[in-house]
C-alpha atoms as a PDB file:
ATOM      1  CA  MET A   1     -25.206 -56.848   1.361  1.00  0.00           C
ATOM      2  CA  ARG A   2     -22.008 -55.067   2.614  1.00  0.00           C
ATOM      3  CA  ILE A   3     -22.828 -52.054   0.570  1.00  0.00           C
ATOM      4  CA  LEU A   4     -26.174 -51.855   2.137  1.00  0.00           C
ATOM      5  CA  ALA A   5     -24.909 -52.062   5.689  1.00  0.00           C
ATOM      6  CA  SER A   6     -22.337 -49.405   5.124  1.00  0.00           C
ATOM      7  CA  VAL A   7     -24.869 -47.114   3.539  1.00  0.00           C
ATOM      8  CA  VAL A   8     -27.041 -47.630   6.740  1.00  0.00           C
ATOM      9  CA  VAL A   9     -24.132 -46.851   9.146  1.00  0.00           C
ATOM     10  CA  VAL A  10     -22.979 -43.699   7.173  1.00  0.00           C
ATOM     11  CA  SER A  11     -26.453 -42.393   6.939  1.00  0.00           C
ATOM     12  CA  CYS A  12     -26.743 -42.759  10.822  1.00  0.00           C
ATOM     13  CA  PHE A  13     -23.605 -40.551  11.506  1.00  0.00           C
ATOM     14  CA  VAL A  14     -24.682 -38.033   8.968  1.00  0.00           C
ATOM     15  CA  ALA A  15     -28.081 -37.536  10.556  1.00  0.00           C
ATOM     16  CA  LEU A  16     -26.935 -37.083  14.213  1.00  0.00           C
ATOM     17  CA  PRO A  17     -25.463 -33.436  14.070  1.00  0.00           C
ATOM     18  CA  CYS A  18     -28.643 -32.131  12.928  1.00  0.00           C
ATOM     19  CA  SER A  19     -30.545 -33.166  15.919  1.00  0.00           C
ATOM     20  CA  ALA A  20     -29.069 -30.292  18.070  1.00  0.00           C
ATOM     21  CA  GLN A  21     -30.149 -26.600  17.699  1.00  0.00           C
ATOM     22  CA  THR A  22     -27.803 -23.686  18.360  1.00  0.00           C
ATOM     23  CA  ILE A  23     -29.132 -20.672  20.522  1.00  0.00           C
ATOM     24  CA  LEU A  24     -27.561 -17.301  19.645  1.00  0.00           C
ATOM     25  CA  LYS A  25     -27.072 -14.572  22.092  1.00  0.00           C
ATOM     26  CA  SER A  26     -28.166 -11.893  19.592  1.00  0.00           C
ATOM     27  CA  GLU A  27     -30.393 -11.881  16.547  1.00  0.00           C
ATOM     28  CA  PRO A  28     -28.469 -12.295  13.272  1.00  0.00           C
ATOM     29  CA  LEU A  29     -28.351  -9.119  10.945  1.00  0.00           C
ATOM     30  CA  MET A  30     -28.539 -11.484   7.871  1.00  0.00           C
ATOM     31  CA  LEU A  31     -30.947 -14.426   7.661  1.00  0.00           C
ATOM     32  CA  ALA A  32     -31.934 -16.238   4.491  1.00  0.00           C
ATOM     33  CA  PRO A  33     -35.627 -16.622   3.589  1.00  0.00           C
ATOM     34  CA  TYR A  34     -37.368 -19.344   5.655  1.00  0.00           C
ATOM     35  CA  GLU A  35     -33.839 -19.928   7.812  1.00  0.00           C
ATOM     36  CA  VAL A  36     -34.703 -20.345  11.502  1.00  0.00           C
ATOM     37  CA  ALA A  37     -32.530 -18.876  14.304  1.00  0.00           C
ATOM     38  CA  PHE A  38     -32.937 -19.290  17.865  1.00  0.00           C
ATOM     39  CA  VAL A  39     -32.023 -16.442  20.129  1.00  0.00           C
ATOM     40  CA  LYS A  40     -31.734 -16.055  24.062  1.00  0.00           C
ATOM     41  CA  ASP A  41     -32.973 -12.455  24.973  1.00  0.00           C
ATOM     42  CA  ALA A  42     -34.972 -10.672  27.505  1.00  0.00           C
ATOM     43  CA  SER A  43     -38.063 -10.290  25.148  1.00  0.00           C
ATOM     44  CA  CYS A  44     -39.247 -13.979  26.100  1.00  0.00           C
ATOM     45  CA  PRO A  45     -40.206 -15.343  29.543  1.00  0.00           C
ATOM     46  CA  SER A  46     -37.898 -17.712  31.432  1.00  0.00           C
ATOM     47  CA  GLY A  47     -37.483 -20.986  29.790  1.00  0.00           C
ATOM     48  CA  LYS A  48     -38.380 -19.922  26.331  1.00  0.00           C
ATOM     49  CA  VAL A  49     -36.310 -18.517  23.373  1.00  0.00           C
ATOM     50  CA  LEU A  50     -37.233 -16.311  20.562  1.00  0.00           C
ATOM     51  CA  LYS A  51     -37.700 -18.238  17.110  1.00  0.00           C
ATOM     52  CA  VAL A  52     -36.799 -15.970  14.258  1.00  0.00           C
ATOM     53  CA  THR A  53     -37.755 -16.899  10.607  1.00  0.00           C
ATOM     54  CA  GLY A  54     -36.168 -15.210   7.752  1.00  0.00           C
ATOM     55  CA  ALA A  55     -38.359 -13.844   5.184  1.00  0.00           C
ATOM     56  CA  ILE A  56     -38.408 -12.808   1.487  1.00  0.00           C
ATOM     57  CA  ARG A  57     -37.770  -9.335   0.389  1.00  0.00           C
ATOM     58  CA  GLY A  58     -40.561  -6.980   1.395  1.00  0.00           C
ATOM     59  CA  LEU A  59     -41.891  -9.037   4.232  1.00  0.00           C
ATOM     60  CA  HIS A  60     -40.918  -8.767   8.023  1.00  0.00           C
ATOM     61  CA  ARG A  61     -39.230 -11.619   9.917  1.00  0.00           C
ATOM     62  CA  ARG A  62     -41.602 -13.831  11.950  1.00  0.00           C
ATOM     63  CA  LYS A  63     -40.761 -13.972  15.714  1.00  0.00           C
ATOM     64  CA  ALA A  64     -42.330 -16.255  18.316  1.00  0.00           C
ATOM     65  CA  CYS A  65     -41.341 -17.322  21.937  1.00  0.00           C
ATOM     66  CA  VAL A  66     -40.871 -21.107  21.877  1.00  0.00           C
ATOM     67  CA  ALA A  67     -39.688 -23.730  24.631  1.00  0.00           C
ATOM     68  CA  LEU A  68     -36.760 -26.054  23.786  1.00  0.00           C
ATOM     69  CA  ALA A  69     -35.714 -29.093  25.681  1.00  0.00           C
ATOM     70  CA  GLY A  70     -32.319 -28.564  27.256  1.00  0.00           C
ATOM     71  CA  GLU A  71     -30.664 -31.413  25.640  1.00  0.00           C
ATOM     72  CA  GLN A  72     -31.491 -30.157  22.255  1.00  0.00           C
ATOM     73  CA  ALA A  73     -29.960 -26.713  22.600  1.00  0.00           C
ATOM     74  CA  SER A  74     -26.497 -25.488  22.813  1.00  0.00           C
ATOM     75  CA  LEU A  75     -25.383 -21.890  23.526  1.00  0.00           C
ATOM     76  CA  ALA A  76     -23.322 -19.966  20.932  1.00  0.00           C
ATOM     77  CA  THR A  77     -22.362 -16.441  19.954  1.00  0.00           C
ATOM     78  CA  ALA A  78     -23.640 -14.668  16.812  1.00  0.00           C
ATOM     79  CA  THR A  79     -21.105 -12.979  14.717  1.00  0.00           C
ATOM     80  CA  PRO A  80     -22.244  -9.540  13.634  1.00  0.00           C
END
């Protein structure tokens, strides 16, 4: 029973950091296929961010303006 309780507690702590999204100031040069990056730039209206999804070789990245909740996002800088 102790093992089950400790597994549940550990899994809760592991899942918490995944809930926040990082918003970059510029679009990353390298992006793995199907990886998602959120970018705050002037191409989207106020209150929305650009969602960039990486693509496999030969295809273009997908870009769309989406709204994110303020408590889910944190502002970070992209390293070129």
